[in-house]
């Protein structure tokens, strides 16, 4: 994996203790998908959509 993508992943992982964000491109659209870091994430830090 390239250094910029690795750095972006590290930055996304550091946004929250319980959640991270996966990102992908679909054509010209960037899709962000929240992903729990542990099984109880939804209990200790419920996901709030913007």
C-alpha atoms as a PDB file:
ATOM      1  CA  UNK A   1       0.000   0.000   0.000  1.00  0.00           C
ATOM      2  CA  UNK A   2       1.264   3.484  -0.757  1.00  0.00           C
ATOM      3  CA  UNK A   3       2.442   5.791   2.012  1.00  0.00           C
ATOM      4  CA  UNK A   4      -0.363   8.374   1.469  1.00  0.00           C
ATOM      5  CA  UNK A   5      -3.057   5.678   1.745  1.00  0.00           C
ATOM      6  CA  UNK A   6      -1.420   4.251   4.843  1.00  0.00           C
ATOM      7  CA  UNK A   7      -1.324   7.728   6.401  1.00  0.00           C
ATOM      8  CA  UNK A   8      -4.977   8.329   5.503  1.00  0.00           C
ATOM      9  CA  UNK A   9      -5.962   5.029   7.097  1.00  0.00           C
ATOM     10  CA  UNK A  10      -4.052   5.902  10.262  1.00  0.00           C
ATOM     11  CA  UNK A  11      -5.785   9.282  10.376  1.00  0.00           C
ATOM     12  CA  UNK A  12      -9.229   7.674   9.974  1.00  0.00           C
ATOM     13  CA  UNK A  13      -8.407   5.144  12.714  1.00  0.00           C
ATOM     14  CA  UNK A  14      -7.450   7.974  15.082  1.00  0.00           C
ATOM     15  CA  UNK A  15     -10.747   9.867  14.801  1.00  0.00           C
ATOM     16  CA  UNK A  16     -12.556   7.857  17.478  1.00  0.00           C
ATOM     17  CA  UNK A  17     -11.690   5.201  20.071  1.00  0.00           C
ATOM     18  CA  UNK A  18     -14.644   3.004  19.126  1.00  0.00           C
ATOM     19  CA  UNK A  19     -15.209   3.578  15.397  1.00  0.00           C
ATOM     20  CA  UNK A  20     -13.171   3.904  12.228  1.00  0.00           C
ATOM     21  CA  UNK A  21     -14.153   4.778   8.679  1.00  0.00           C
ATOM     22  CA  UNK A  22     -13.543   2.653   5.619  1.00  0.00           C
ATOM     23  CA  UNK A  23     -13.475   4.500   2.325  1.00  0.00           C
ATOM     24  CA  UNK A  24     -13.755   3.394  -1.279  1.00  0.00           C
ATOM     25  CA  UNK A  25     -14.298   4.896  -4.693  1.00  0.00           C
ATOM     26  CA  UNK A  26     -17.260   3.989  -6.856  1.00  0.00           C
ATOM     27  CA  UNK A  27     -16.673   5.830 -10.092  1.00  0.00           C
ATOM     28  CA  UNK A  28     -16.317   9.502  -9.179  1.00  0.00           C
ATOM     29  CA  UNK A  29     -18.012   9.017  -5.810  1.00  0.00           C
ATOM     30  CA  UNK A  30     -16.117   8.405  -2.564  1.00  0.00           C
ATOM     31  CA  UNK A  31     -18.054   6.149  -0.182  1.00  0.00           C
ATOM     32  CA  UNK A  32     -17.400   6.329   3.582  1.00  0.00           C
ATOM     33  CA  UNK A  33     -18.528   3.377   5.695  1.00  0.00           C
ATOM     34  CA  UNK A  34     -18.351   3.419   9.496  1.00  0.00           C
ATOM     35  CA  UNK A  35     -16.870   0.280  11.067  1.00  0.00           C
ATOM     36  CA  UNK A  36     -16.833  -0.642  14.753  1.00  0.00           C
ATOM     37  CA  UNK A  37     -13.401  -1.262  16.271  1.00  0.00           C
ATOM     38  CA  UNK A  38     -14.841  -3.683  18.836  1.00  0.00           C
ATOM     39  CA  UNK A  39     -18.115  -5.582  19.417  1.00  0.00           C
ATOM     40  CA  UNK A  40     -19.489  -3.138  22.025  1.00  0.00           C
ATOM     41  CA  UNK A  41     -18.837   0.053  20.066  1.00  0.00           C
ATOM     42  CA  UNK A  42     -22.537   0.603  19.388  1.00  0.00           C
ATOM     43  CA  UNK A  43     -23.236   0.442  23.135  1.00  0.00           C
ATOM     44  CA  UNK A  44     -20.453   2.679  24.449  1.00  0.00           C
ATOM     45  CA  UNK A  45     -20.469   5.156  21.572  1.00  0.00           C
ATOM     46  CA  UNK A  46     -23.632   5.018  19.421  1.00  0.00           C
ATOM     47  CA  UNK A  47     -23.034   6.043  15.807  1.00  0.00           C
ATOM     48  CA  UNK A  48     -24.521   9.426  14.934  1.00  0.00           C
ATOM     49  CA  UNK A  49     -24.986  10.166  11.244  1.00  0.00           C
ATOM     50  CA  UNK A  50     -24.119  13.697  10.163  1.00  0.00           C
END
